[in-house]
Amino acid sequence: MSIKVGLTHIMHYRYKKPVTLSPHVIRLRPAPHCRTPILSYTLDITPKEHFINWQQDPFGNYQARIVFPEPTTELRVEMDLVADLTVINPFDFFVEEYAENYPFSYEKEAKVELAPYLHCDKPGPLLSAWLKKHKPKKGSINNILVELNQAVQQDISYRVRLEPGVQSTEETLKLASGSCRDSGWLLVQILRNYGLAARFVSGYLVQLRPDEKSIDGPSGAEEDFTDLHAWAEVYLPGAGWVGLDATSGLLAGEGHIPLAC
């Protein structure tokens, strides 16, 4: 049985006097590869006098480019969607035979296409030490991804961070804490350093309180919860992009709704 969830995201700015707004690019539409069925979607913009053009950026993300011809005293963006939270088995994917075990090399054509997602900065001393300590042994790629994801979750404690931007990998490891975007970016860099194509994802996380408490493990969220969230995706031949949430140590499921990668 599936559960339908309505989600509303509002950003509202007011100004003391009329201002001229530059063109805005808004990425608040679920990405094309979103596995959770989106039953309806609307984007409402104030001021009503505006021009909107829907585009897709080079990464395939939907983006709305808004142009405001007249000065205004407010800017209001309201996104509404209805999602069908049908349970998704995060391990329900097929991996090409040559990539079933780590390490493996992407095929020549795929390696060219994945080049931006394999690029990584030279690791600092803390990341180098982490990579050495957790270097995967030969084995099932699924098991190795689970172990790496859980290792980041165990080493980096979650904290709410209102400052803009993403911490460097060295800062996150030094503090041993960070927001979801910090853990997500750290995992991206870890995967790339191990030769696995990875990308950063920004979106929503929907968690619902279970009807019954678990008798043999964590029961999950105490209350229904929705917020902006960030995680990583790794590219597996045959499976495509697979989501890894380093904040929870779990693979992305039906509650993960990507907006932009």
C-alpha atoms as a PDB file:
ATOM      1  CA  MET A   1       0.000   0.000   0.000  1.00  0.00           C
ATOM      2  CA  SER A   2       1.349   3.400  -0.967  1.00  0.00           C
ATOM      3  CA  ILE A   3       1.019   6.703   0.879  1.00  0.00           C
ATOM      4  CA  LYS A   4       0.439   9.971  -0.927  1.00  0.00           C
ATOM      5  CA  VAL A   5       2.253  12.954   0.590  1.00  0.00           C
ATOM      6  CA  GLY A   6       1.745  16.634  -0.159  1.00  0.00           C
ATOM      7  CA  LEU A   7       4.797  18.890   0.143  1.00  0.00           C
ATOM      8  CA  THR A   8       4.813  22.702   0.078  1.00  0.00           C
ATOM      9  CA  HIS A   9       8.000  24.790  -0.037  1.00  0.00           C
ATOM     10  CA  ILE A  10       7.660  28.583   0.308  1.00  0.00           C
ATOM     11  CA  MET A  11      10.305  31.301   0.051  1.00  0.00           C
ATOM     12  CA  HIS A  12       9.005  34.813   0.738  1.00  0.00           C
ATOM     13  CA  TYR A  13      10.928  38.085   0.647  1.00  0.00           C
ATOM     14  CA  ARG A  14       9.524  41.580   1.304  1.00  0.00           C
ATOM     15  CA  TYR A  15      11.250  44.893   0.507  1.00  0.00           C
ATOM     16  CA  LYS A  16      10.754  48.351   2.080  1.00  0.00           C
ATOM     17  CA  LYS A  17      10.556  49.956  -1.348  1.00  0.00           C
ATOM     18  CA  PRO A  18      10.184  48.718  -4.944  1.00  0.00           C
ATOM     19  CA  VAL A  19      13.303  46.914  -6.160  1.00  0.00           C
ATOM     20  CA  THR A  20      14.403  45.639  -9.546  1.00  0.00           C
ATOM     21  CA  LEU A  21      14.954  41.876  -9.506  1.00  0.00           C
ATOM     22  CA  SER A  22      17.613  40.276 -11.653  1.00  0.00           C
ATOM     23  CA  PRO A  23      16.670  37.097 -13.539  1.00  0.00           C
ATOM     24  CA  HIS A  24      16.367  34.150 -11.141  1.00  0.00           C
ATOM     25  CA  VAL A  25      17.132  30.476 -11.776  1.00  0.00           C
ATOM     26  CA  ILE A  26      15.050  28.199  -9.533  1.00  0.00           C
ATOM     27  CA  ARG A  27      15.731  24.486  -9.117  1.00  0.00           C
ATOM     28  CA  LEU A  28      12.698  23.242  -7.202  1.00  0.00           C
ATOM     29  CA  ARG A  29      11.334  20.624  -9.598  1.00  0.00           C
ATOM     30  CA  PRO A  30      12.131  16.955  -8.953  1.00  0.00           C
ATOM     31  CA  ALA A  31      14.956  15.710 -11.163  1.00  0.00           C
ATOM     32  CA  PRO A  32      14.151  13.485 -14.169  1.00  0.00           C
ATOM     33  CA  HIS A  33      15.727  10.426 -12.505  1.00  0.00           C
ATOM     34  CA  CYS A  34      13.631  10.739  -9.317  1.00  0.00           C
ATOM     35  CA  ARG A  35      12.462   7.215  -8.446  1.00  0.00           C
ATOM     36  CA  THR A  36       9.541   8.412  -6.321  1.00  0.00           C
ATOM     37  CA  PRO A  37       6.445   8.967  -8.516  1.00  0.00           C
ATOM     38  CA  ILE A  38       5.434  12.654  -8.548  1.00  0.00           C
ATOM     39  CA  LEU A  39       1.666  12.793  -9.122  1.00  0.00           C
ATOM     40  CA  SER A  40       1.322  16.574  -9.413  1.00  0.00           C
ATOM     41  CA  TYR A  41       3.564  19.632  -9.385  1.00  0.00           C
ATOM     42  CA  THR A  42       3.017  23.403  -9.423  1.00  0.00           C
ATOM     43  CA  LEU A  43       5.306  26.422  -9.119  1.00  0.00           C
ATOM     44  CA  ASP A  44       3.634  29.732  -8.233  1.00  0.00           C
ATOM     45  CA  ILE A  45       5.608  32.998  -8.489  1.00  0.00           C
ATOM     46  CA  THR A  46       4.802  36.472  -7.143  1.00  0.00           C
ATOM     47  CA  PRO A  47       4.922  39.086  -8.674  1.00  0.00           C
ATOM     48  CA  LYS A  48       2.515  37.731 -11.256  1.00  0.00           C
ATOM     49  CA  GLU A  49       4.062  39.950 -13.928  1.00  0.00           C
ATOM     50  CA  HIS A  50       6.960  37.719 -14.933  1.00  0.00           C
ATOM     51  CA  PHE A  51       8.231  35.518 -17.734  1.00  0.00           C
ATOM     52  CA  ILE A  52       9.184  31.909 -17.080  1.00  0.00           C
ATOM     53  CA  ASN A  53      11.209  29.552 -19.263  1.00  0.00           C
ATOM     54  CA  TRP A  54      11.721  25.934 -18.298  1.00  0.00           C
ATOM     55  CA  GLN A  55      15.159  24.596 -19.182  1.00  0.00           C
ATOM     56  CA  GLN A  56      17.435  21.646 -18.495  1.00  0.00           C
ATOM     57  CA  ASP A  57      21.029  22.351 -17.502  1.00  0.00           C
ATOM     58  CA  PRO A  58      23.992  20.304 -18.828  1.00  0.00           C
ATOM     59  CA  PHE A  59      23.477  17.800 -15.979  1.00  0.00           C
ATOM     60  CA  GLY A  60      19.822  17.215 -16.947  1.00  0.00           C
ATOM     61  CA  ASN A  61      18.323  19.083 -13.981  1.00  0.00           C
ATOM     62  CA  TYR A  62      15.078  21.001 -14.499  1.00  0.00           C
ATOM     63  CA  GLN A  63      15.424  24.710 -13.862  1.00  0.00           C
ATOM     64  CA  ALA A  64      12.989  27.604 -14.183  1.00  0.00           C
ATOM     65  CA  ARG A  65      14.479  30.895 -15.411  1.00  0.00           C
ATOM     66  CA  ILE A  66      12.314  33.791 -14.224  1.00  0.00           C
ATOM     67  CA  VAL A  67      12.511  37.347 -15.594  1.00  0.00           C
ATOM     68  CA  PHE A  68      10.763  40.206 -13.758  1.00  0.00           C
ATOM     69  CA  PRO A  69      10.081  43.211 -16.024  1.00  0.00           C
ATOM     70  CA  GLU A  70       8.809  45.612 -13.335  1.00  0.00           C
ATOM     71  CA  PRO A  71      10.029  46.669  -9.848  1.00  0.00           C
ATOM     72  CA  THR A  72       8.291  44.912  -6.953  1.00  0.00           C
ATOM     73  CA  THR A  73       7.985  45.066  -3.165  1.00  0.00           C
ATOM     74  CA  GLU A  74       7.918  41.274  -2.699  1.00  0.00           C
ATOM     75  CA  LEU A  75       9.179  38.015  -4.141  1.00  0.00           C
ATOM     76  CA  ARG A  76       7.312  34.838  -3.277  1.00  0.00           C
ATOM     77  CA  VAL A  77       8.066  31.373  -4.614  1.00  0.00           C
ATOM     78  CA  GLU A  78       5.706  28.523  -3.716  1.00  0.00           C
ATOM     79  CA  MET A  79       6.303  24.964  -4.850  1.00  0.00           C
ATOM     80  CA  ASP A  80       3.635  22.294  -4.307  1.00  0.00           C
ATOM     81  CA  LEU A  81       3.890  18.622  -5.174  1.00  0.00           C
ATOM     82  CA  VAL A  82       2.166  15.351  -4.389  1.00  0.00           C
ATOM     83  CA  ALA A  83       4.427  12.299  -4.155  1.00  0.00           C
ATOM     84  CA  ASP A  84       3.452   8.638  -4.068  1.00  0.00           C
ATOM     85  CA  LEU A  85       5.648   7.087  -1.376  1.00  0.00           C
ATOM     86  CA  THR A  86       5.447   3.544  -2.679  1.00  0.00           C
ATOM     87  CA  VAL A  87       8.138   1.545  -0.865  1.00  0.00           C
ATOM     88  CA  ILE A  88      11.328   1.276  -2.919  1.00  0.00           C
ATOM     89  CA  ASN A  89      13.859  -1.468  -2.336  1.00  0.00           C
ATOM     90  CA  PRO A  90      17.133   0.495  -2.641  1.00  0.00           C
ATOM     91  CA  PHE A  91      18.996  -2.701  -3.616  1.00  0.00           C
ATOM     92  CA  ASP A  92      16.611  -3.494  -6.470  1.00  0.00           C
ATOM     93  CA  PHE A  93      19.060  -2.924  -9.290  1.00  0.00           C
ATOM     94  CA  PHE A  94      21.189  -4.929 -11.712  1.00  0.00           C
ATOM     95  CA  VAL A  95      24.941  -4.438 -12.021  1.00  0.00           C
ATOM     96  CA  GLU A  96      26.896  -5.416 -15.123  1.00  0.00           C
ATOM     97  CA  GLU A  97      28.951  -8.552 -14.549  1.00  0.00           C
ATOM     98  CA  TYR A  98      32.304  -6.773 -14.888  1.00  0.00           C
ATOM     99  CA  ALA A  99      31.323  -4.295 -12.136  1.00  0.00           C
ATOM    100  CA  GLU A 100      29.875  -6.732  -9.609  1.00  0.00           C
ATOM    101  CA  ASN A 101      33.094  -6.771  -7.602  1.00  0.00           C
ATOM    102  CA  TYR A 102      35.465  -4.007  -6.561  1.00  0.00           C
ATOM    103  CA  PRO A 103      37.838  -2.895  -7.946  1.00  0.00           C
ATOM    104  CA  PHE A 104      36.661  -2.528 -11.536  1.00  0.00           C
ATOM    105  CA  SER A 105      37.328  -0.103 -14.384  1.00  0.00           C
ATOM    106  CA  TYR A 106      34.557   1.647 -16.295  1.00  0.00           C
ATOM    107  CA  GLU A 107      34.416   0.791 -19.987  1.00  0.00           C
ATOM    108  CA  LYS A 108      36.236   3.238 -22.266  1.00  0.00           C
ATOM    109  CA  GLU A 109      33.125   5.038 -23.555  1.00  0.00           C
ATOM    110  CA  ALA A 110      31.562   5.322 -20.096  1.00  0.00           C
ATOM    111  CA  LYS A 111      34.818   6.614 -18.628  1.00  0.00           C
ATOM    112  CA  VAL A 112      34.764   9.543 -21.088  1.00  0.00           C
ATOM    113  CA  GLU A 113      31.148  10.376 -20.231  1.00  0.00           C
ATOM    114  CA  LEU A 114      31.795  10.059 -16.493  1.00  0.00           C
ATOM    115  CA  ALA A 115      34.991  12.130 -16.483  1.00  0.00           C
ATOM    116  CA  PRO A 116      33.475  15.094 -14.532  1.00  0.00           C
ATOM    117  CA  TYR A 117      32.258  12.680 -11.844  1.00  0.00           C
ATOM    118  CA  LEU A 118      35.659  11.006 -11.496  1.00  0.00           C
ATOM    119  CA  HIS A 119      37.604  14.242 -11.038  1.00  0.00           C
ATOM    120  CA  CYS A 120      38.789  14.818  -7.482  1.00  0.00           C
ATOM    121  CA  ASP A 121      41.057  17.337  -5.832  1.00  0.00           C
ATOM    122  CA  LYS A 122      44.328  16.156  -4.337  1.00  0.00           C
ATOM    123  CA  PRO A 123      43.387  14.802  -0.887  1.00  0.00           C
ATOM    124  CA  GLY A 124      44.718  16.575   2.180  1.00  0.00           C
ATOM    125  CA  PRO A 125      46.422  14.732   5.057  1.00  0.00           C
ATOM    126  CA  LEU A 126      43.215  13.916   6.937  1.00  0.00           C
ATOM    127  CA  LEU A 127      41.401  12.589   3.865  1.00  0.00           C
ATOM    128  CA  SER A 128      44.523  10.659   2.813  1.00  0.00           C
ATOM    129  CA  ALA A 129      44.630   8.989   6.229  1.00  0.00           C
ATOM    130  CA  TRP A 130      40.902   8.168   6.034  1.00  0.00           C
ATOM    131  CA  LEU A 131      41.281   6.683   2.551  1.00  0.00           C
ATOM    132  CA  LYS A 132      44.186   4.535   3.709  1.00  0.00           C
ATOM    133  CA  LYS A 133      42.345   3.329   6.801  1.00  0.00           C
ATOM    134  CA  HIS A 134      39.140   2.418   4.960  1.00  0.00           C
ATOM    135  CA  LYS A 135      40.591   1.265   1.628  1.00  0.00           C
ATOM    136  CA  PRO A 136      38.169  -1.403   0.377  1.00  0.00           C
ATOM    137  CA  LYS A 137      39.310  -4.953  -0.055  1.00  0.00           C
ATOM    138  CA  LYS A 138      38.262  -6.974  -3.069  1.00  0.00           C
ATOM    139  CA  GLY A 139      34.639  -7.944  -2.828  1.00  0.00           C
ATOM    140  CA  SER A 140      31.010  -7.270  -3.731  1.00  0.00           C
ATOM    141  CA  ILE A 141      30.546  -3.673  -4.873  1.00  0.00           C
ATOM    142  CA  ASN A 142      27.222  -3.522  -3.022  1.00  0.00           C
ATOM    143  CA  ASN A 143      28.806  -4.510   0.282  1.00  0.00           C
ATOM    144  CA  ILE A 144      31.682  -2.078  -0.185  1.00  0.00           C
ATOM    145  CA  LEU A 145      29.344   0.854  -0.877  1.00  0.00           C
ATOM    146  CA  VAL A 146      27.326   0.026   2.235  1.00  0.00           C
ATOM    147  CA  GLU A 147      30.515  -0.145   4.326  1.00  0.00           C
ATOM    148  CA  LEU A 148      31.869   3.188   3.029  1.00  0.00           C
ATOM    149  CA  ASN A 149      28.533   4.933   3.507  1.00  0.00           C
ATOM    150  CA  GLN A 150      28.254   3.645   7.073  1.00  0.00           C
ATOM    151  CA  ALA A 151      31.882   4.521   7.824  1.00  0.00           C
ATOM    152  CA  VAL A 152      31.225   8.181   6.979  1.00  0.00           C
ATOM    153  CA  GLN A 153      28.025   8.128   9.050  1.00  0.00           C
ATOM    154  CA  GLN A 154      29.901   6.722  12.033  1.00  0.00           C
ATOM    155  CA  ASP A 155      32.878   9.102  11.767  1.00  0.00           C
ATOM    156  CA  ILE A 156      30.930  12.331  11.080  1.00  0.00           C
ATOM    157  CA  SER A 157      28.247  13.377  13.558  1.00  0.00           C
ATOM    158  CA  TYR A 158      25.332  15.387  12.210  1.00  0.00           C
ATOM    159  CA  ARG A 159      24.765  18.983  13.233  1.00  0.00           C
ATOM    160  CA  VAL A 160      22.501  21.738  11.943  1.00  0.00           C
ATOM    161  CA  ARG A 161      24.637  24.314  10.187  1.00  0.00           C
ATOM    162  CA  LEU A 162      23.060  27.557   8.954  1.00  0.00           C
ATOM    163  CA  GLU A 163      26.205  28.992   7.361  1.00  0.00           C
ATOM    164  CA  PRO A 164      26.167  28.984   3.547  1.00  0.00           C
ATOM    165  CA  GLY A 165      28.415  26.768   1.482  1.00  0.00           C
ATOM    166  CA  VAL A 166      29.949  23.347   1.977  1.00  0.00           C
ATOM    167  CA  GLN A 167      32.850  22.528   4.289  1.00  0.00           C
ATOM    168  CA  SER A 168      36.039  21.202   2.753  1.00  0.00           C
ATOM    169  CA  THR A 169      36.706  17.520   3.307  1.00  0.00           C
ATOM    170  CA  GLU A 170      39.600  18.409   5.636  1.00  0.00           C
ATOM    171  CA  GLU A 171      37.391  20.659   7.766  1.00  0.00           C
ATOM    172  CA  THR A 172      34.661  18.043   8.037  1.00  0.00           C
ATOM    173  CA  LEU A 173      37.140  15.362   9.083  1.00  0.00           C
ATOM    174  CA  LYS A 174      38.889  17.683  11.542  1.00  0.00           C
ATOM    175  CA  LEU A 175      35.610  18.676  13.216  1.00  0.00           C
ATOM    176  CA  ALA A 176      34.217  15.135  12.889  1.00  0.00           C
ATOM    177  CA  SER A 177      30.850  16.804  12.306  1.00  0.00           C
ATOM    178  CA  GLY A 178      28.877  18.597   9.657  1.00  0.00           C
ATOM    179  CA  SER A 179      25.515  19.086   8.011  1.00  0.00           C
ATOM    180  CA  CYS A 180      24.064  16.661   5.481  1.00  0.00           C
ATOM    181  CA  ARG A 181      25.702  18.590   2.632  1.00  0.00           C
ATOM    182  CA  ASP A 182      29.107  18.307   4.301  1.00  0.00           C
ATOM    183  CA  SER A 183      28.821  14.543   4.775  1.00  0.00           C
ATOM    184  CA  GLY A 184      27.443  14.183   1.259  1.00  0.00           C
ATOM    185  CA  TRP A 185      30.346  16.066  -0.311  1.00  0.00           C
ATOM    186  CA  LEU A 186      32.870  14.115   1.778  1.00  0.00           C
ATOM    187  CA  LEU A 187      31.388  10.844   0.515  1.00  0.00           C
ATOM    188  CA  VAL A 188      31.528  12.095  -3.083  1.00  0.00           C
ATOM    189  CA  GLN A 189      35.251  12.809  -2.724  1.00  0.00           C
ATOM    190  CA  ILE A 190      35.880   9.458  -1.038  1.00  0.00           C
ATOM    191  CA  LEU A 191      34.146   7.522  -3.820  1.00  0.00           C
ATOM    192  CA  ARG A 192      36.012   9.430  -6.536  1.00  0.00           C
ATOM    193  CA  ASN A 193      39.350   8.785  -4.877  1.00  0.00           C
ATOM    194  CA  TYR A 194      38.517   5.081  -4.966  1.00  0.00           C
ATOM    195  CA  GLY A 195      37.835   5.307  -8.722  1.00  0.00           C
ATOM    196  CA  LEU A 196      34.035   5.382  -8.498  1.00  0.00           C
ATOM    197  CA  ALA A 197      32.062   8.062 -10.347  1.00  0.00           C
ATOM    198  CA  ALA A 198      30.021  10.089  -7.857  1.00  0.00           C
ATOM    199  CA  ARG A 199      27.955  13.274  -7.728  1.00  0.00           C
ATOM    200  CA  PHE A 200      26.397  15.552  -5.119  1.00  0.00           C
ATOM    201  CA  VAL A 201      22.604  15.668  -4.789  1.00  0.00           C
ATOM    202  CA  SER A 202      20.334  18.306  -3.271  1.00  0.00           C
ATOM    203  CA  GLY A 203      16.661  17.627  -2.643  1.00  0.00           C
ATOM    204  CA  TYR A 204      14.001  16.804  -0.067  1.00  0.00           C
ATOM    205  CA  LEU A 205      13.851  14.074   2.548  1.00  0.00           C
ATOM    206  CA  VAL A 206      10.402  12.868   3.603  1.00  0.00           C
ATOM    207  CA  GLN A 207      10.242  10.663   6.704  1.00  0.00           C
ATOM    208  CA  LEU A 208       6.933   9.412   8.094  1.00  0.00           C
ATOM    209  CA  ARG A 209       6.249   8.135  11.586  1.00  0.00           C
ATOM    210  CA  PRO A 210       5.570   4.377  11.403  1.00  0.00           C
ATOM    211  CA  ASP A 211       2.150   3.122  12.483  1.00  0.00           C
ATOM    212  CA  GLU A 212       3.792   0.507  14.703  1.00  0.00           C
ATOM    213  CA  LYS A 213       7.107   0.571  16.551  1.00  0.00           C
ATOM    214  CA  SER A 214       9.773  -1.933  15.600  1.00  0.00           C
ATOM    215  CA  ILE A 215      10.430  -4.735  18.098  1.00  0.00           C
ATOM    216  CA  ASP A 216      13.911  -5.628  16.827  1.00  0.00           C
ATOM    217  CA  GLY A 217      15.516  -2.338  15.772  1.00  0.00           C
ATOM    218  CA  PRO A 218      15.108   1.430  15.393  1.00  0.00           C
ATOM    219  CA  SER A 219      11.542   2.474  14.661  1.00  0.00           C
ATOM    220  CA  GLY A 220      12.479   5.489  12.563  1.00  0.00           C
ATOM    221  CA  ALA A 221      11.108   9.019  12.816  1.00  0.00           C
ATOM    222  CA  GLU A 222       9.085   9.898  15.913  1.00  0.00           C
ATOM    223  CA  GLU A 223       7.005  12.400  13.923  1.00  0.00           C
ATOM    224  CA  ASP A 224       6.331  13.070  10.250  1.00  0.00           C
ATOM    225  CA  PHE A 225       9.289  15.071   8.971  1.00  0.00           C
ATOM    226  CA  THR A 226      10.228  16.858   5.745  1.00  0.00           C
ATOM    227  CA  ASP A 227      13.233  19.059   5.085  1.00  0.00           C
ATOM    228  CA  LEU A 228      15.854  20.011   2.524  1.00  0.00           C
ATOM    229  CA  HIS A 229      18.539  17.361   2.389  1.00  0.00           C
ATOM    230  CA  ALA A 230      21.721  16.412   0.558  1.00  0.00           C
ATOM    231  CA  TRP A 231      23.337  13.085  -0.262  1.00  0.00           C
ATOM    232  CA  ALA A 232      25.599  11.407  -2.821  1.00  0.00           C
ATOM    233  CA  GLU A 233      25.007   9.217  -5.848  1.00  0.00           C
ATOM    234  CA  VAL A 234      27.461   6.687  -7.284  1.00  0.00           C
ATOM    235  CA  TYR A 235      27.336   5.389 -10.853  1.00  0.00           C
ATOM    236  CA  LEU A 236      27.210   1.615 -11.224  1.00  0.00           C
ATOM    237  CA  PRO A 237      27.251   0.121 -14.740  1.00  0.00           C
ATOM    238  CA  GLY A 238      23.874  -1.484 -15.360  1.00  0.00           C
ATOM    239  CA  ALA A 239      22.241   0.124 -12.334  1.00  0.00           C
ATOM    240  CA  GLY A 240      22.821   3.793 -13.134  1.00  0.00           C
ATOM    241  CA  TRP A 241      22.975   6.353 -10.339  1.00  0.00           C
ATOM    242  CA  VAL A 242      22.485   4.854  -6.862  1.00  0.00           C
ATOM    243  CA  GLY A 243      21.814   7.164  -3.894  1.00  0.00           C
ATOM    244  CA  LEU A 244      23.869   6.928  -0.674  1.00  0.00           C
ATOM    245  CA  ASP A 245      22.830   8.975   2.354  1.00  0.00           C
ATOM    246  CA  ALA A 246      25.904   9.455   4.539  1.00  0.00           C
ATOM    247  CA  THR A 247      23.860  11.223   7.228  1.00  0.00           C
ATOM    248  CA  SER A 248      21.890   8.071   8.017  1.00  0.00           C
ATOM    249  CA  GLY A 249      24.279   5.477   6.602  1.00  0.00           C
ATOM    250  CA  LEU A 250      21.450   4.102   4.436  1.00  0.00           C
ATOM    251  CA  LEU A 251      20.830   3.926   0.712  1.00  0.00           C
ATOM    252  CA  ALA A 252      18.371   6.466  -0.677  1.00  0.00           C
ATOM    253  CA  GLY A 253      14.766   5.285  -0.712  1.00  0.00           C
ATOM    254  CA  GLU A 254      11.324   6.540  -1.606  1.00  0.00           C
ATOM    255  CA  GLY A 255      11.625   9.453   0.855  1.00  0.00           C
ATOM    256  CA  HIS A 256      14.601  10.927  -1.015  1.00  0.00           C
ATOM    257  CA  ILE A 257      13.343  13.311  -3.706  1.00  0.00           C
ATOM    258  CA  PRO A 258      16.254  14.765  -5.710  1.00  0.00           C
ATOM    259  CA  LEU A 259      15.935  18.302  -7.094  1.00  0.00           C
ATOM    260  CA  ALA A 260      19.371  18.859  -8.618  1.00  0.00           C
ATOM    261  CA  CYS A 261      22.596  16.888  -9.051  1.00  0.00           C
END
